[in-house]
Protein backbone atom coordinates (compact mmCIF):
# COMPACT_ATOMS: atom_id res chain seq x y z
CA MET A 1 127.16 87.27 74.06
CA TYR A 2 130.78 88.14 74.87
CA PHE A 3 130.26 89.76 78.26
CA LEU A 4 127.46 90.65 80.63
CA LYS A 5 127.29 93.67 82.90
CA GLY A 6 124.75 94.31 85.62
CA ALA A 7 123.79 94.19 89.29
CA ILE A 8 124.59 91.11 91.35
CA ALA A 9 121.25 89.69 92.55
CA THR A 10 122.59 86.59 94.30
CA ILE A 11 125.98 84.94 94.50
CA ASN A 12 127.60 81.81 95.90
CA PRO A 13 130.98 80.20 95.19
CA ALA A 14 129.60 78.33 92.16
CA LEU A 15 126.87 80.56 90.73
CA VAL A 16 126.07 84.24 90.34
CA VAL A 17 122.83 85.79 89.15
CA ILE A 18 123.28 89.10 87.35
CA GLU A 19 120.30 91.33 86.69
CA SER A 20 120.52 93.21 83.40
CA ASN A 21 117.59 95.05 81.81
CA GLY A 22 115.13 93.32 84.12
CA ILE A 23 116.39 89.81 83.31
CA GLY A 24 118.28 87.59 85.75
CA TYR A 25 121.13 85.65 84.15
CA GLY A 26 122.55 82.68 86.05
CA LEU A 27 126.25 82.15 85.37
CA HIS A 28 128.43 79.29 86.58
CA ILE A 29 131.63 80.70 88.05
CA SER A 30 134.95 79.51 89.48
CA LEU A 31 136.27 80.33 92.94
CA ASN A 32 138.70 82.75 91.28
CA THR A 33 135.81 84.79 89.91
CA TYR A 34 133.79 84.45 93.12
CA THR A 35 136.68 85.83 95.16
CA ALA A 36 137.02 88.79 92.80
CA ILE A 37 133.34 89.81 92.75
CA GLN A 38 131.83 88.56 96.02
CA ASN A 39 131.80 92.01 97.65
CA LEU A 40 130.67 93.97 94.60
CA LYS A 41 127.18 95.30 93.90
CA GLU A 42 127.71 95.32 90.14
CA CYS A 43 130.14 93.50 87.91
CA LYS A 44 131.12 92.73 84.34
CA LEU A 45 131.74 89.10 83.44
CA TYR A 46 133.13 87.65 80.23
CA THR A 47 130.92 84.80 79.14
CA HIS A 48 130.89 81.43 77.43
CA LEU A 49 127.68 79.66 76.39
CA HIS A 50 128.06 75.90 76.56
CA VAL A 51 125.63 73.72 74.63
CA LYS A 52 124.92 70.42 76.41
CA ASN A 53 124.36 67.48 74.10
CA GLU A 54 122.90 64.05 74.68
CA GLY A 55 123.74 62.04 71.61
CA SER A 56 122.67 64.15 68.65
CA ASN A 57 120.16 66.19 70.65
CA VAL A 58 120.68 69.47 72.49
CA SER A 59 119.70 68.86 76.11
CA GLY A 60 120.36 72.30 77.56
CA LEU A 61 122.45 75.45 77.74
CA GLU A 62 124.88 76.55 80.44
CA LEU A 63 126.28 80.06 80.79
CA PHE A 64 129.72 80.48 82.35
CA GLY A 65 131.10 83.77 83.64
CA PHE A 66 134.68 84.95 84.16
CA HIS A 67 135.97 88.05 85.94
CA GLU A 68 139.00 88.30 83.65
CA GLU A 69 139.31 87.66 79.92
CA ALA A 70 142.46 85.68 80.68
CA GLU A 71 140.45 83.22 82.77
CA ARG A 72 137.92 82.80 79.98
CA GLU A 73 140.65 82.10 77.46
CA ILE A 74 142.40 79.45 79.57
CA PHE A 75 138.97 77.89 80.27
CA LEU A 76 138.34 77.57 76.51
CA LYS A 77 141.82 76.13 75.97
CA LEU A 78 141.30 73.58 78.74
CA THR A 79 137.94 72.43 77.37
CA SER A 80 139.54 71.86 73.97
CA VAL A 81 141.48 68.97 75.52
CA SER A 82 139.85 65.54 75.29
CA GLY A 83 138.78 64.43 78.75
CA ILE A 84 138.37 67.96 80.15
CA GLY A 85 134.76 69.14 80.14
CA VAL A 86 133.37 72.46 81.31
CA ASN A 87 132.88 71.31 84.89
CA THR A 88 136.41 69.90 85.13
CA ALA A 89 137.84 73.11 83.65
CA ARG A 90 135.89 75.15 86.21
CA MET A 91 137.22 72.86 88.95
CA MET A 92 140.76 73.51 87.71
CA LEU A 93 140.15 77.27 87.82
CA SER A 94 138.74 76.91 91.32
CA SER A 95 141.85 75.06 92.47
CA LEU A 96 144.51 77.14 90.72
CA THR A 97 144.69 80.62 89.21
CA PRO A 98 144.93 80.92 85.40
CA ILE A 99 148.59 81.91 85.80
CA GLU A 100 149.34 78.86 87.98
CA ILE A 101 147.68 76.56 85.43
CA GLU A 102 149.68 78.09 82.59
CA LYS A 103 152.94 77.81 84.51
CA ALA A 104 152.18 74.16 85.35
CA ILE A 105 151.54 73.41 81.67
CA LEU A 106 154.62 75.29 80.46
CA ASN A 107 156.81 73.58 83.07
CA GLY A 108 155.29 70.14 82.43
CA ASN A 109 154.17 69.88 86.06
CA VAL A 110 151.99 66.75 85.76
CA ALA A 111 151.82 66.29 89.54
CA LEU A 112 150.26 69.72 90.14
CA ILE A 113 147.64 69.33 87.42
CA GLN A 114 146.90 65.76 88.51
CA SER A 115 146.33 66.98 92.08
CA ILE A 116 143.11 68.65 90.91
CA LYS A 117 139.97 66.62 91.52
CA GLY A 118 138.78 64.88 88.35
CA ILE A 119 142.16 65.00 86.59
CA GLY A 120 143.99 61.71 86.16
CA PRO A 121 147.60 61.22 85.03
CA LYS A 122 146.70 60.63 81.37
CA THR A 123 144.49 63.72 81.20
CA ALA A 124 147.17 65.82 82.92
CA GLN A 125 149.79 64.66 80.43
CA ARG A 126 147.41 65.24 77.50
CA ALA A 127 146.66 68.79 78.71
CA ILE A 128 150.38 69.60 78.87
CA LEU A 129 151.08 68.04 75.48
CA GLU A 130 148.19 69.74 73.68
CA LEU A 131 148.32 73.15 75.35
CA LYS A 132 152.02 73.84 75.81
CA ASP A 133 152.41 75.34 72.34
CA LYS A 134 149.08 77.17 72.53
CA ILE A 135 150.00 79.12 75.62
CA SER A 136 153.72 79.60 75.03
CA GLY A 137 154.30 83.31 74.94
CA THR A 138 151.13 84.25 76.82
CA SER A 139 152.96 83.92 80.13
CA SER A 140 156.15 85.90 80.45
CA THR A 141 158.98 85.61 82.91
CA SER A 142 157.60 88.62 84.74
CA SER A 143 156.79 87.98 88.38
CA SER A 144 153.85 90.35 88.21
CA THR A 145 150.56 88.54 87.77
CA GLY A 146 148.89 91.77 86.70
CA MET A 147 151.45 92.35 83.97
CA ILE A 148 151.10 88.78 82.73
CA GLN A 149 147.32 89.10 82.58
CA GLN A 150 147.62 92.42 80.76
CA LYS A 151 149.95 90.88 78.16
CA MET A 152 147.59 87.92 77.81
CA GLY A 153 144.76 90.37 77.15
CA VAL A 154 146.79 92.12 74.43
CA GLN A 155 147.71 88.80 72.81
CA ASP A 156 144.12 87.54 72.95
CA GLU A 157 142.91 90.74 71.29
CA ALA A 158 145.51 90.36 68.57
CA LEU A 159 144.57 86.69 68.09
CA GLN A 160 140.88 87.52 67.66
CA ALA A 161 141.77 90.19 65.12
CA LEU A 162 143.94 87.77 63.13
CA ILE A 163 141.15 85.18 63.07
CA ALA A 164 138.71 87.87 61.94
CA LEU A 165 141.15 88.63 59.11
CA GLY A 166 140.81 85.05 57.93
CA ILE A 167 143.90 83.47 59.48
CA ALA A 168 143.27 79.94 60.78
CA ARG A 169 143.39 79.85 64.60
CA PRO A 170 146.20 77.21 64.89
CA MET A 171 148.40 79.13 62.44
CA ALA A 172 147.61 82.46 64.11
CA GLU A 173 148.32 81.11 67.61
CA LYS A 174 151.65 79.61 66.60
CA ALA A 175 152.85 82.69 64.72
CA LEU A 176 151.62 85.09 67.40
CA GLY A 177 153.29 83.03 70.14
CA LYS A 178 156.66 83.52 68.45
CA ILE A 179 156.07 87.25 68.05
CA VAL A 180 155.10 87.72 71.70
CA GLY A 181 158.17 85.81 72.86
CA THR A 182 160.49 88.38 71.27
CA ASN A 183 158.25 91.48 71.43
CA GLN A 184 156.71 91.38 74.89
CA ASP A 185 155.98 95.12 75.05
CA ALA A 186 154.36 95.35 71.61
CA SER A 187 150.90 96.87 71.26
CA VAL A 188 147.97 94.99 69.74
CA GLU A 189 148.50 96.74 66.41
CA GLN A 190 152.24 95.96 66.39
CA MET A 191 151.59 92.29 67.23
CA ILE A 192 149.10 91.98 64.37
CA LYS A 193 151.45 93.62 61.87
CA LEU A 194 154.48 91.57 62.94
CA THR A 195 152.45 88.35 62.87
CA LEU A 196 151.06 89.05 59.41
CA LYS A 197 154.58 89.72 58.15
CA SER A 198 155.80 86.40 59.55
CA LEU A 199 153.08 84.32 57.90
């Protein structure tokens, strides 16, 4: 499941229940998403299904929902860092916007990341070290949050296409990041072509 669309049955700052085809889906959400959808009757959320493990056994499933694709992508990047689980990543996205998190990582702002509950100095430094290259190019120097999110959406779409073409994610992310840095107004198709040529 990549996204879910339906009527909002119940909502609070941490959880929303969306009714779709007679089934109620409970999705864990951040304050960013809550703020965006709290007054809506229907919404579309991008999703991530997290498998909870206890040792070698699956102990449960958790469904997370995101109002913007950009928020989902930064959530997945954050949870790839050792020491940052799904709940900590959601806490980060409830404390800062995706753009603020990306800027903090790009600028090496350990203090800002460490100010989030559950994040210690070592984890903050690790997040910056591991994610700086992965998000370079997704945030531009534009002061418009909407424009940044739109560019992130274009880059994410191009990244997914490159992976589908058989390019390893780390290689695709690195090559695409360089392309975006010098071709900020490129379309998805142009980004894919330029990236493939650079590999």
